[in-house]
Amino acid sequence: MIRKNLLFIKMLNIKTSSKILFDRFMTRFVPSKETCPVCGSRGECHVHAYYGRTITDFVNGRRHKCSISVMRVICDSCHHTHAILPDHIIPYGTYGLFFVLRVLSEHIFQFRSIESICERYEISISQFRKWKCLFRQHKKLWLGELENLKTDTRDFMKTLVSNPYNGFSSEFISHFAFSFLQSHKNPSVCCSESAGYCQKIFLPDYRIT
C-alpha cells in the first residue's frame, strides 16, 4: 500500500467531501513517478487493477455514502502490487477519517451526549465505543506512556484538527507501519511471489486550495 499525503491544510478548513478530495487527487496521480515501497525502484510502477470501496462521509449536515475506485499499481521490478490511498482514507475501513474525527470530537468536547451523537450520525453505540477505544490506544502509542498521562484528550484532538495533518500521518506510519485510526491489522506477505504488503507514505503531490 502506498499512502499519499494530501491534507496540507487544517482539517477544520476542509469544506468538501472525502470523495471529491479523493477524485481530485487521483486525476493528478502519475504511477510512473512512484517509488516502490518494497524494492525502492523508481519509475517501474504502472496501473495493475482497480477495486471499489464505499466510504461513509458527513456532508452538509447529513450522513452520505459514496463509492470510490481505488487504483492498484504493480512494480515491474519486484512484481509487488500496491493500493494508492490518500491519507484521508483509513485503510480497510468503511468510514472516512473526517467522519470518525467529527464523531469523536463532538464527544470529547461535550457538544452532545453519546446517544445524541449516535443518532445524528446513524452509528451504533458499540461502533462509537470502538472508535473511542482505538483513538485512546493510538494516542497512547504516539505519545508514550508518560506523555499520554500528561496530555489531555481534548488537547490532543485540537492538535489533530487544527494543524496540518500530513506531517502527523507521515510520522505515525513511519513509526508503526499502519495508519492512525486503522483498526484492522496489515496483511503479511505469504511468499515472495505473491502481491505482498508494505505501507509507506510519500511526499505530498499537491496542495489543496
N, C-alpha and C. Protein backbone atom coordinates (compact mmCIF):
# COMPACT_ATOMS: atom_id res chain seq x y z
N MET A 1 0.84 -1.19 0.00
CA MET A 1 0.00 0.00 0.00
C MET A 1 0.88 1.24 0.00
N ILE A 2 0.52 2.19 -0.82
CA ILE A 2 1.23 3.47 -0.86
C ILE A 2 0.27 4.54 -0.36
N ARG A 3 0.60 5.12 0.77
CA ARG A 3 -0.23 6.16 1.38
C ARG A 3 0.31 7.51 0.91
N LYS A 4 -0.59 8.37 0.43
CA LYS A 4 -0.18 9.65 -0.11
C LYS A 4 -0.65 10.79 0.78
N ASN A 5 0.27 11.69 1.07
CA ASN A 5 -0.05 12.88 1.85
C ASN A 5 -0.92 13.82 1.04
N LEU A 6 -2.09 14.14 1.57
CA LEU A 6 -2.99 15.03 0.87
C LEU A 6 -3.40 16.23 1.71
N LEU A 7 -3.48 16.02 3.01
CA LEU A 7 -4.07 17.04 3.88
C LEU A 7 -3.03 18.07 4.34
N PHE A 8 -2.67 18.98 3.43
CA PHE A 8 -1.75 20.06 3.77
C PHE A 8 -2.38 21.05 4.74
N ILE A 9 -3.67 21.27 4.56
CA ILE A 9 -4.33 22.32 5.33
C ILE A 9 -4.96 21.74 6.59
N LYS A 10 -5.40 22.61 7.45
CA LYS A 10 -6.06 22.19 8.67
C LYS A 10 -7.39 21.51 8.32
N MET A 11 -7.68 20.41 9.00
CA MET A 11 -8.88 19.66 8.66
C MET A 11 -10.15 20.45 8.93
N LEU A 12 -10.10 21.40 9.86
CA LEU A 12 -11.28 22.21 10.15
C LEU A 12 -11.62 23.13 8.98
N ASN A 13 -10.65 23.35 8.08
CA ASN A 13 -10.89 24.23 6.95
C ASN A 13 -11.43 23.50 5.72
N ILE A 14 -11.49 22.18 5.78
CA ILE A 14 -11.93 21.40 4.64
C ILE A 14 -13.46 21.46 4.55
N LYS A 15 -13.96 21.95 3.43
CA LYS A 15 -15.39 22.14 3.25
C LYS A 15 -15.98 21.20 2.21
N THR A 16 -15.24 20.19 1.80
CA THR A 16 -15.71 19.31 0.75
C THR A 16 -15.75 17.87 1.24
N SER A 17 -16.18 16.95 0.38
CA SER A 17 -16.33 15.55 0.79
C SER A 17 -15.06 14.75 0.55
N SER A 18 -14.98 13.60 1.19
CA SER A 18 -13.83 12.71 1.02
C SER A 18 -13.71 12.25 -0.43
N LYS A 19 -14.84 11.98 -1.06
CA LYS A 19 -14.82 11.51 -2.45
C LYS A 19 -14.27 12.58 -3.39
N ILE A 20 -14.71 13.81 -3.21
CA ILE A 20 -14.22 14.89 -4.08
C ILE A 20 -12.71 15.05 -3.92
N LEU A 21 -12.21 14.99 -2.68
CA LEU A 21 -10.77 15.09 -2.45
C LEU A 21 -10.04 13.91 -3.08
N PHE A 22 -10.62 12.72 -2.93
CA PHE A 22 -10.01 11.51 -3.49
C PHE A 22 -9.93 11.61 -5.01
N ASP A 23 -11.05 11.95 -5.64
CA ASP A 23 -11.08 12.04 -7.10
C ASP A 23 -10.15 13.12 -7.62
N ARG A 24 -10.09 14.24 -6.90
CA ARG A 24 -9.21 15.33 -7.30
C ARG A 24 -7.75 14.89 -7.24
N PHE A 25 -7.43 14.13 -6.20
CA PHE A 25 -6.06 13.63 -6.09
C PHE A 25 -5.72 12.65 -7.21
N MET A 26 -6.63 11.71 -7.50
CA MET A 26 -6.34 10.67 -8.47
C MET A 26 -6.20 11.21 -9.89
N THR A 27 -6.84 12.33 -10.20
CA THR A 27 -6.70 12.90 -11.53
C THR A 27 -5.28 13.41 -11.76
N ARG A 28 -4.56 13.68 -10.68
CA ARG A 28 -3.20 14.19 -10.80
C ARG A 28 -2.14 13.13 -10.49
N PHE A 29 -2.58 11.95 -10.13
CA PHE A 29 -1.63 10.90 -9.74
C PHE A 29 -1.01 10.26 -10.98
N VAL A 30 0.31 10.13 -10.96
CA VAL A 30 1.05 9.54 -12.08
C VAL A 30 1.82 8.32 -11.57
N PRO A 31 1.35 7.10 -11.87
CA PRO A 31 2.00 5.88 -11.37
C PRO A 31 3.48 5.78 -11.72
N SER A 32 3.85 6.23 -12.90
CA SER A 32 5.24 6.08 -13.36
C SER A 32 6.23 6.91 -12.55
N LYS A 33 5.71 7.86 -11.75
CA LYS A 33 6.59 8.68 -10.92
C LYS A 33 6.77 8.11 -9.51
N GLU A 34 6.09 6.99 -9.23
CA GLU A 34 6.15 6.43 -7.89
C GLU A 34 7.43 5.65 -7.63
N THR A 35 7.78 5.57 -6.35
CA THR A 35 8.87 4.70 -5.89
C THR A 35 8.26 3.50 -5.20
N CYS A 36 8.61 2.32 -5.60
CA CYS A 36 8.06 1.11 -4.99
C CYS A 36 8.50 1.02 -3.53
N PRO A 37 7.58 0.90 -2.59
CA PRO A 37 7.97 0.83 -1.17
C PRO A 37 8.61 -0.48 -0.77
N VAL A 38 8.58 -1.49 -1.64
CA VAL A 38 9.19 -2.77 -1.31
C VAL A 38 10.64 -2.83 -1.78
N CYS A 39 10.87 -2.57 -3.08
CA CYS A 39 12.23 -2.71 -3.61
C CYS A 39 12.94 -1.38 -3.83
N GLY A 40 12.20 -0.28 -3.74
CA GLY A 40 12.81 1.04 -3.88
C GLY A 40 13.02 1.49 -5.31
N SER A 41 12.54 0.72 -6.27
CA SER A 41 12.70 1.12 -7.67
C SER A 41 11.79 2.30 -8.00
N ARG A 42 12.31 3.24 -8.77
CA ARG A 42 11.53 4.41 -9.17
C ARG A 42 11.23 4.34 -10.66
N GLY A 43 10.00 4.66 -11.01
CA GLY A 43 9.61 4.66 -12.42
C GLY A 43 9.24 3.31 -12.96
N GLU A 44 9.05 2.33 -12.07
CA GLU A 44 8.74 0.97 -12.52
C GLU A 44 7.28 0.59 -12.27
N CYS A 45 6.49 1.50 -11.74
CA CYS A 45 5.10 1.18 -11.41
C CYS A 45 4.15 1.60 -12.53
N HIS A 46 3.15 0.77 -12.76
CA HIS A 46 2.09 1.12 -13.70
C HIS A 46 0.78 0.56 -13.18
N VAL A 47 -0.33 1.02 -13.75
CA VAL A 47 -1.65 0.60 -13.29
C VAL A 47 -1.82 -0.90 -13.47
N HIS A 48 -2.26 -1.56 -12.42
CA HIS A 48 -2.47 -3.01 -12.44
C HIS A 48 -3.96 -3.36 -12.44
N ALA A 49 -4.73 -2.69 -11.57
CA ALA A 49 -6.16 -3.00 -11.46
C ALA A 49 -6.82 -1.92 -10.61
N TYR A 50 -8.13 -2.03 -10.49
CA TYR A 50 -8.91 -1.15 -9.62
C TYR A 50 -9.85 -2.00 -8.78
N TYR A 51 -10.19 -1.52 -7.59
CA TYR A 51 -11.24 -2.16 -6.81
C TYR A 51 -12.09 -1.09 -6.14
N GLY A 52 -13.34 -1.43 -5.90
CA GLY A 52 -14.27 -0.45 -5.35
C GLY A 52 -14.31 -0.47 -3.83
N ARG A 53 -14.54 0.70 -3.26
CA ARG A 53 -14.74 0.84 -1.82
C ARG A 53 -15.86 1.83 -1.56
N THR A 54 -16.58 1.59 -0.49
CA THR A 54 -17.62 2.53 -0.07
C THR A 54 -17.12 3.32 1.13
N ILE A 55 -17.24 4.62 1.07
CA ILE A 55 -16.80 5.50 2.14
C ILE A 55 -18.00 6.25 2.69
N THR A 56 -18.16 6.20 4.00
CA THR A 56 -19.23 6.95 4.66
C THR A 56 -18.68 8.29 5.11
N ASP A 57 -19.36 9.34 4.71
CA ASP A 57 -18.91 10.70 4.99
C ASP A 57 -20.06 11.46 5.65
N PHE A 58 -19.80 12.68 6.06
CA PHE A 58 -20.83 13.55 6.62
C PHE A 58 -20.73 14.89 5.92
N VAL A 59 -21.67 15.14 5.01
CA VAL A 59 -21.60 16.31 4.14
C VAL A 59 -22.88 17.14 4.29
N ASN A 60 -22.70 18.43 4.49
CA ASN A 60 -23.84 19.35 4.61
C ASN A 60 -24.84 18.90 5.69
N GLY A 61 -24.30 18.41 6.80
CA GLY A 61 -25.16 18.03 7.92
C GLY A 61 -25.85 16.70 7.78
N ARG A 62 -25.45 15.92 6.77
CA ARG A 62 -26.10 14.63 6.57
C ARG A 62 -25.08 13.54 6.32
N ARG A 63 -25.39 12.34 6.80
CA ARG A 63 -24.58 11.16 6.52
C ARG A 63 -24.70 10.84 5.03
N HIS A 64 -23.56 10.52 4.43
CA HIS A 64 -23.55 10.31 2.99
C HIS A 64 -22.59 9.17 2.64
N LYS A 65 -23.06 8.22 1.83
CA LYS A 65 -22.22 7.12 1.36
C LYS A 65 -21.84 7.37 -0.08
N CYS A 66 -20.59 7.12 -0.38
CA CYS A 66 -20.12 7.28 -1.75
C CYS A 66 -19.18 6.14 -2.11
N SER A 67 -19.03 5.91 -3.40
CA SER A 67 -18.14 4.86 -3.88
C SER A 67 -16.90 5.49 -4.50
N ILE A 68 -15.76 4.88 -4.22
CA ILE A 68 -14.51 5.31 -4.84
C ILE A 68 -13.87 4.11 -5.52
N SER A 69 -13.08 4.39 -6.53
CA SER A 69 -12.37 3.35 -7.26
C SER A 69 -10.89 3.45 -6.93
N VAL A 70 -10.39 2.49 -6.16
CA VAL A 70 -9.01 2.52 -5.67
C VAL A 70 -8.09 1.87 -6.70
N MET A 71 -7.07 2.59 -7.06
CA MET A 71 -6.09 2.07 -8.02
C MET A 71 -5.05 1.19 -7.34
N ARG A 72 -4.71 0.10 -8.00
CA ARG A 72 -3.57 -0.71 -7.58
C ARG A 72 -2.51 -0.61 -8.67
N VAL A 73 -1.28 -0.35 -8.25
CA VAL A 73 -0.17 -0.32 -9.20
C VAL A 73 0.71 -1.54 -8.96
N ILE A 74 1.42 -1.96 -9.99
CA ILE A 74 2.34 -3.09 -9.87
C ILE A 74 3.74 -2.63 -10.26
N CYS A 75 4.71 -3.09 -9.52
CA CYS A 75 6.10 -2.75 -9.79
C CYS A 75 6.69 -3.79 -10.73
N ASP A 76 7.20 -3.36 -11.89
CA ASP A 76 7.79 -4.30 -12.84
C ASP A 76 9.09 -4.90 -12.33
N SER A 77 9.70 -4.27 -11.33
CA SER A 77 10.96 -4.76 -10.81
C SER A 77 10.79 -5.92 -9.84
N CYS A 78 9.85 -5.77 -8.86
CA CYS A 78 9.68 -6.83 -7.85
C CYS A 78 8.33 -7.52 -7.94
N HIS A 79 7.43 -7.00 -8.78
CA HIS A 79 6.11 -7.59 -9.03
C HIS A 79 5.16 -7.51 -7.84
N HIS A 80 5.46 -6.65 -6.88
CA HIS A 80 4.51 -6.42 -5.80
C HIS A 80 3.49 -5.36 -6.25
N THR A 81 2.28 -5.50 -5.74
CA THR A 81 1.24 -4.54 -6.07
C THR A 81 0.93 -3.69 -4.84
N HIS A 82 0.48 -2.46 -5.09
CA HIS A 82 0.21 -1.52 -4.01
C HIS A 82 -1.05 -0.71 -4.31
N ALA A 83 -1.94 -0.64 -3.32
CA ALA A 83 -3.10 0.24 -3.45
C ALA A 83 -2.66 1.67 -3.18
N ILE A 84 -3.28 2.62 -3.87
CA ILE A 84 -2.95 4.03 -3.70
C ILE A 84 -4.05 4.69 -2.89
N LEU A 85 -3.72 5.12 -1.67
CA LEU A 85 -4.71 5.72 -0.78
C LEU A 85 -4.22 7.04 -0.21
N PRO A 86 -4.92 8.15 -0.47
CA PRO A 86 -4.60 9.40 0.21
C PRO A 86 -4.84 9.26 1.72
N ASP A 87 -4.26 10.16 2.51
CA ASP A 87 -4.28 9.99 3.95
C ASP A 87 -5.62 10.25 4.62
N HIS A 88 -6.63 10.74 3.88
CA HIS A 88 -7.94 10.92 4.50
C HIS A 88 -8.82 9.68 4.35
N ILE A 89 -8.27 8.63 3.74
CA ILE A 89 -8.97 7.35 3.62
C ILE A 89 -8.30 6.37 4.59
N ILE A 90 -9.05 5.85 5.55
CA ILE A 90 -8.50 4.91 6.53
C ILE A 90 -8.45 3.52 5.90
N PRO A 91 -7.29 2.88 5.85
CA PRO A 91 -7.20 1.55 5.25
C PRO A 91 -8.17 0.55 5.89
N TYR A 92 -8.83 -0.23 5.06
CA TYR A 92 -9.73 -1.32 5.48
C TYR A 92 -10.98 -0.83 6.21
N GLY A 93 -11.22 0.46 6.24
CA GLY A 93 -12.39 0.99 6.93
C GLY A 93 -13.45 1.46 5.96
N THR A 94 -14.69 1.51 6.42
CA THR A 94 -15.78 1.98 5.58
C THR A 94 -16.17 3.42 5.92
N TYR A 95 -15.54 3.99 6.94
CA TYR A 95 -15.80 5.37 7.33
C TYR A 95 -14.57 6.21 7.05
N GLY A 96 -14.80 7.42 6.52
CA GLY A 96 -13.69 8.31 6.24
C GLY A 96 -13.10 8.90 7.51
N LEU A 97 -11.88 9.39 7.40
CA LEU A 97 -11.20 10.00 8.54
C LEU A 97 -11.98 11.19 9.08
N PHE A 98 -12.53 12.03 8.19
CA PHE A 98 -13.29 13.20 8.64
C PHE A 98 -14.49 12.79 9.46
N PHE A 99 -15.17 11.73 9.03
CA PHE A 99 -16.37 11.26 9.72
C PHE A 99 -16.03 10.82 11.14
N VAL A 100 -14.99 9.99 11.28
CA VAL A 100 -14.62 9.44 12.59
C VAL A 100 -14.17 10.55 13.53
N LEU A 101 -13.34 11.46 13.05
CA LEU A 101 -12.85 12.54 13.91
C LEU A 101 -13.97 13.51 14.29
N ARG A 102 -14.92 13.70 13.39
CA ARG A 102 -16.05 14.57 13.72
C ARG A 102 -16.89 13.96 14.84
N VAL A 103 -17.14 12.65 14.74
CA VAL A 103 -17.91 11.94 15.77
C VAL A 103 -17.20 12.03 17.12
N LEU A 104 -15.92 11.72 17.13
CA LEU A 104 -15.16 11.72 18.38
C LEU A 104 -15.01 13.12 18.96
N SER A 105 -14.87 14.12 18.10
CA SER A 105 -14.73 15.50 18.57
C SER A 105 -15.99 15.96 19.31
N GLU A 106 -17.14 15.61 18.77
CA GLU A 106 -18.38 16.03 19.42
C GLU A 106 -18.52 15.42 20.81
N HIS A 107 -17.94 14.25 21.00
CA HIS A 107 -17.96 13.63 22.33
C HIS A 107 -16.88 14.23 23.23
N ILE A 108 -15.67 14.34 22.70
CA ILE A 108 -14.54 14.83 23.51
C ILE A 108 -14.79 16.25 24.01
N PHE A 109 -15.37 17.08 23.15
CA PHE A 109 -15.62 18.48 23.55
C PHE A 109 -17.03 18.67 24.11
N GLN A 110 -17.71 17.55 24.35
CA GLN A 110 -19.01 17.53 25.04
C GLN A 110 -20.06 18.39 24.34
N PHE A 111 -20.08 18.30 23.01
CA PHE A 111 -21.10 19.03 22.26
C PHE A 111 -22.46 18.33 22.37
N ARG A 112 -22.44 17.00 22.45
CA ARG A 112 -23.66 16.21 22.52
C ARG A 112 -23.43 14.99 23.39
N SER A 113 -24.51 14.37 23.81
CA SER A 113 -24.41 13.11 24.55
C SER A 113 -24.06 12.00 23.56
N ILE A 114 -23.60 10.88 24.09
CA ILE A 114 -23.27 9.74 23.23
C ILE A 114 -24.49 9.28 22.44
N GLU A 115 -25.63 9.23 23.11
CA GLU A 115 -26.85 8.79 22.43
C GLU A 115 -27.22 9.74 21.30
N SER A 116 -27.08 11.04 21.54
CA SER A 116 -27.40 12.03 20.52
C SER A 116 -26.43 11.96 19.35
N ILE A 117 -25.17 11.74 19.64
CA ILE A 117 -24.16 11.62 18.58
C ILE A 117 -24.46 10.41 17.70
N CYS A 118 -24.74 9.29 18.33
CA CYS A 118 -25.01 8.07 17.57
C CYS A 118 -26.26 8.21 16.71
N GLU A 119 -27.24 8.90 17.25
CA GLU A 119 -28.47 9.12 16.48
C GLU A 119 -28.21 10.04 15.29
N ARG A 120 -27.45 11.10 15.52
CA ARG A 120 -27.18 12.06 14.45
C ARG A 120 -26.39 11.43 13.31
N TYR A 121 -25.39 10.64 13.66
CA TYR A 121 -24.52 10.06 12.64
C TYR A 121 -24.93 8.66 12.21
N GLU A 122 -26.00 8.16 12.80
CA GLU A 122 -26.56 6.85 12.44
C GLU A 122 -25.54 5.73 12.61
N ILE A 123 -24.92 5.71 13.79
CA ILE A 123 -23.99 4.65 14.13
C ILE A 123 -24.44 4.01 15.44
N SER A 124 -23.98 2.79 15.67
CA SER A 124 -24.32 2.10 16.91
C SER A 124 -23.42 2.58 18.04
N ILE A 125 -23.89 2.38 19.25
CA ILE A 125 -23.08 2.74 20.42
C ILE A 125 -21.82 1.89 20.47
N SER A 126 -21.94 0.63 20.05
CA SER A 126 -20.76 -0.25 20.05
C SER A 126 -19.72 0.25 19.06
N GLN A 127 -20.15 0.76 17.90
CA GLN A 127 -19.21 1.31 16.93
C GLN A 127 -18.52 2.55 17.50
N PHE A 128 -19.31 3.40 18.15
CA PHE A 128 -18.74 4.60 18.77
C PHE A 128 -17.68 4.21 19.80
N ARG A 129 -17.97 3.23 20.62
CA ARG A 129 -17.03 2.81 21.66
C ARG A 129 -15.76 2.23 21.06
N LYS A 130 -15.87 1.54 19.94
CA LYS A 130 -14.68 1.01 19.27
C LYS A 130 -13.78 2.14 18.81
N TRP A 131 -14.38 3.18 18.22
CA TRP A 131 -13.58 4.32 17.76
C TRP A 131 -12.94 5.05 18.94
N LYS A 132 -13.70 5.21 20.00
CA LYS A 132 -13.17 5.90 21.17
C LYS A 132 -11.99 5.14 21.77
N CYS A 133 -12.12 3.83 21.86
CA CYS A 133 -11.04 2.99 22.39
C CYS A 133 -9.82 3.03 21.48
N LEU A 134 -10.04 2.96 20.17
CA LEU A 134 -8.94 2.98 19.22
C LEU A 134 -8.22 4.32 19.26
N PHE A 135 -8.98 5.40 19.38
CA PHE A 135 -8.38 6.74 19.47
C PHE A 135 -7.47 6.82 20.69
N ARG A 136 -7.94 6.33 21.82
CA ARG A 136 -7.14 6.36 23.04
C ARG A 136 -5.88 5.50 22.91
N GLN A 137 -6.02 4.34 22.28
CA GLN A 137 -4.88 3.44 22.10
C GLN A 137 -3.81 4.09 21.23
N HIS A 138 -4.25 4.72 20.13
CA HIS A 138 -3.28 5.34 19.23
C HIS A 138 -2.69 6.60 19.83
N LYS A 139 -3.45 7.31 20.62
CA LYS A 139 -2.91 8.47 21.34
C LYS A 139 -1.79 8.02 22.27
N LYS A 140 -2.02 6.98 23.04
CA LYS A 140 -1.02 6.45 23.95
C LYS A 140 0.19 5.92 23.21
N LEU A 141 -0.06 5.25 22.09
CA LEU A 141 1.02 4.69 21.28
C LEU A 141 1.91 5.82 20.75
N TRP A 142 1.28 6.88 20.30
CA TRP A 142 2.01 8.00 19.71
C TRP A 142 2.78 8.81 20.75
N LEU A 143 2.15 9.09 21.87
CA LEU A 143 2.77 9.95 22.88
C LEU A 143 3.69 9.21 23.83
N GLY A 144 3.45 7.92 24.02
CA GLY A 144 4.20 7.19 25.02
C GLY A 144 3.47 7.22 26.36
N GLU A 145 3.82 6.33 27.24
CA GLU A 145 3.10 6.14 28.49
C GLU A 145 3.03 7.42 29.33
N LEU A 146 4.16 8.04 29.60
CA LEU A 146 4.19 9.20 30.50
C LEU A 146 3.56 10.43 29.86
N GLU A 147 3.92 10.72 28.61
CA GLU A 147 3.38 11.90 27.94
C GLU A 147 1.88 11.78 27.73
N ASN A 148 1.41 10.55 27.53
CA ASN A 148 -0.02 10.33 27.35
C ASN A 148 -0.79 10.69 28.61
N LEU A 149 -0.23 10.37 29.76
CA LEU A 149 -0.90 10.70 31.02
C LEU A 149 -0.97 12.21 31.25
N LYS A 150 0.02 12.93 30.72
CA LYS A 150 0.07 14.37 30.94
C LYS A 150 -0.74 15.15 29.90
N THR A 151 -1.07 14.50 28.78
CA THR A 151 -1.74 15.20 27.68
C THR A 151 -3.24 14.94 27.70
N ASP A 152 -4.00 15.99 27.87
CA ASP A 152 -5.45 15.88 27.87
C ASP A 152 -5.94 15.47 26.48
N THR A 153 -6.96 14.61 26.45
CA THR A 153 -7.50 14.13 25.18
C THR A 153 -7.98 15.27 24.31
N ARG A 154 -8.56 16.30 24.92
CA ARG A 154 -9.03 17.44 24.15
C ARG A 154 -7.88 18.20 23.49
N ASP A 155 -6.77 18.31 24.19
CA ASP A 155 -5.60 18.98 23.62
C ASP A 155 -5.03 18.18 22.45
N PHE A 156 -5.03 16.87 22.59
CA PHE A 156 -4.53 16.02 21.51
C PHE A 156 -5.41 16.14 20.28
N MET A 157 -6.72 16.14 20.48
CA MET A 157 -7.65 16.28 19.36
C MET A 157 -7.50 17.65 18.70
N LYS A 158 -7.33 18.69 19.51
CA LYS A 158 -7.16 20.03 18.95
C LYS A 158 -5.93 20.07 18.04
N THR A 159 -4.88 19.38 18.45
CA THR A 159 -3.67 19.34 17.64
C THR A 159 -3.94 18.68 16.29
N LEU A 160 -4.72 17.61 16.31
CA LEU A 160 -5.01 16.88 15.08
C LEU A 160 -5.84 17.71 14.10
N VAL A 161 -6.87 18.37 14.61
CA VAL A 161 -7.81 19.04 13.71
C VAL A 161 -7.43 20.48 13.39
N SER A 162 -6.53 21.07 14.15
CA SER A 162 -6.18 22.47 13.92
C SER A 162 -4.83 22.66 13.25
N ASN A 163 -4.04 21.58 13.15
CA ASN A 163 -2.74 21.64 12.49
C ASN A 163 -2.79 20.84 11.19
N PRO A 164 -1.91 21.16 10.23
CA PRO A 164 -1.84 20.34 9.02
C PRO A 164 -1.63 18.87 9.38
N TYR A 165 -2.46 18.00 8.83
CA TYR A 165 -2.46 16.59 9.23
C TYR A 165 -1.35 15.78 8.59
N ASN A 166 -0.81 16.26 7.46
CA ASN A 166 0.09 15.43 6.68
C ASN A 166 1.36 15.05 7.43
N GLY A 167 1.90 15.97 8.25
CA GLY A 167 3.12 15.65 8.99
C GLY A 167 2.89 14.57 10.03
N PHE A 168 1.78 14.69 10.74
CA PHE A 168 1.45 13.68 11.76
C PHE A 168 1.23 12.32 11.12
N SER A 169 0.45 12.25 10.04
CA SER A 169 0.15 10.96 9.42
C SER A 169 1.41 10.29 8.89
N SER A 170 2.31 11.08 8.33
CA SER A 170 3.57 10.53 7.81
C SER A 170 4.40 9.90 8.93
N GLU A 171 4.55 10.62 10.02
CA GLU A 171 5.37 10.14 11.12
C GLU A 171 4.73 8.94 11.81
N PHE A 172 3.40 8.96 11.92
CA PHE A 172 2.71 7.84 12.56
C PHE A 172 2.95 6.55 11.78
N ILE A 173 2.80 6.61 10.47
CA ILE A 173 3.03 5.43 9.64
C ILE A 173 4.49 5.01 9.67
N SER A 174 5.40 5.97 9.65
CA SER A 174 6.83 5.65 9.69
C SER A 174 7.20 4.91 10.97
N HIS A 175 6.56 5.29 12.08
CA HIS A 175 6.87 4.67 13.37
C HIS A 175 6.24 3.30 13.52
N PHE A 176 5.00 3.15 13.06
CA PHE A 176 4.24 1.95 13.42
C PHE A 176 3.82 1.08 12.24
N ALA A 177 4.06 1.54 11.01
CA ALA A 177 3.75 0.78 9.78
C ALA A 177 2.27 0.52 9.59
N PHE A 178 1.43 1.32 10.23
CA PHE A 178 0.00 1.32 9.94
C PHE A 178 -0.52 2.73 10.18
N SER A 179 -1.73 3.00 9.74
CA SER A 179 -2.25 4.36 9.77
C SER A 179 -2.99 4.67 11.06
N PHE A 180 -3.04 5.95 11.39
CA PHE A 180 -3.81 6.40 12.55
C PHE A 180 -5.28 6.06 12.35
N LEU A 181 -5.88 5.48 13.39
CA LEU A 181 -7.27 5.03 13.41
C LEU A 181 -7.54 3.84 12.49
N GLN A 182 -6.50 3.17 12.05
CA GLN A 182 -6.66 1.93 11.29
C GLN A 182 -6.89 0.80 12.29
N SER A 183 -8.03 0.14 12.20
CA SER A 183 -8.37 -0.88 13.20
C SER A 183 -7.94 -2.27 12.80
N HIS A 184 -7.94 -2.58 11.50
CA HIS A 184 -7.56 -3.92 11.06
C HIS A 184 -6.06 -4.02 10.86
N LYS A 185 -5.51 -5.16 11.20
CA LYS A 185 -4.08 -5.37 11.05
C LYS A 185 -3.71 -5.47 9.58
N ASN A 186 -2.47 -5.13 9.29
CA ASN A 186 -1.99 -5.25 7.92
C ASN A 186 -1.77 -6.71 7.57
N PRO A 187 -2.11 -7.10 6.35
CA PRO A 187 -1.84 -8.48 5.94
C PRO A 187 -0.34 -8.70 5.80
N SER A 188 0.09 -9.91 6.03
CA SER A 188 1.51 -10.23 5.93
C SER A 188 1.80 -10.81 4.55
N VAL A 189 3.06 -10.75 4.18
CA VAL A 189 3.49 -11.32 2.90
C VAL A 189 3.59 -12.83 3.05
N CYS A 190 2.82 -13.57 2.27
CA CYS A 190 2.80 -15.03 2.37
C CYS A 190 4.03 -15.64 1.71
N CYS A 191 4.37 -15.15 0.55
CA CYS A 191 5.55 -15.65 -0.14
C CYS A 191 6.04 -14.58 -1.08
N SER A 192 7.25 -14.72 -1.55
CA SER A 192 7.87 -13.68 -2.36
C SER A 192 7.20 -13.50 -3.71
N GLU A 193 6.46 -14.52 -4.18
CA GLU A 193 5.84 -14.44 -5.49
C GLU A 193 4.46 -13.80 -5.43
N SER A 194 3.90 -13.66 -4.25
CA SER A 194 2.56 -13.08 -4.13
C SER A 194 2.64 -11.57 -4.04
N ALA A 195 1.48 -10.94 -4.22
CA ALA A 195 1.43 -9.49 -4.06
C ALA A 195 1.47 -9.18 -2.58
N GLY A 196 2.61 -8.73 -2.12
CA GLY A 196 2.80 -8.51 -0.69
C GLY A 196 2.31 -7.17 -0.22
N TYR A 197 2.56 -6.89 1.03
CA TYR A 197 2.05 -5.67 1.65
C TYR A 197 3.21 -4.87 2.23
N CYS A 198 3.20 -3.59 1.97
CA CYS A 198 4.17 -2.69 2.59
C CYS A 198 3.56 -1.32 2.60
N GLN A 199 3.28 -0.79 3.76
CA GLN A 199 2.63 0.53 3.85
C GLN A 199 3.68 1.59 4.13
N LYS A 200 3.80 2.51 3.20
CA LYS A 200 4.69 3.64 3.37
C LYS A 200 3.98 4.88 2.85
N ILE A 201 4.47 6.02 3.27
CA ILE A 201 3.85 7.27 2.85
C ILE A 201 4.91 8.16 2.21
N PHE A 202 4.54 8.81 1.14
CA PHE A 202 5.48 9.63 0.41
C PHE A 202 5.10 11.09 0.48
N LEU A 203 5.93 11.92 -0.07
CA LEU A 203 5.71 13.37 -0.01
C LEU A 203 4.41 13.76 -0.71
N PRO A 204 3.78 14.84 -0.25
CA PRO A 204 2.53 15.28 -0.87
C PRO A 204 2.70 15.61 -2.35
N ASP A 205 1.64 15.39 -3.12
CA ASP A 205 1.69 15.64 -4.55
C ASP A 205 1.25 17.06 -4.91
N TYR A 206 0.31 17.60 -4.14
CA TYR A 206 -0.14 18.94 -4.44
C TYR A 206 -0.87 19.51 -3.24
N ARG A 207 -1.12 20.78 -3.29
CA ARG A 207 -1.76 21.47 -2.16
C ARG A 207 -3.25 21.64 -2.43
N ILE A 208 -4.07 21.34 -1.42
CA ILE A 208 -5.49 21.58 -1.52
C ILE A 208 -5.74 23.07 -1.41
N THR A 209 -6.58 23.61 -2.28
CA THR A 209 -6.91 25.04 -2.20
C THR A 209 -8.40 25.21 -2.02
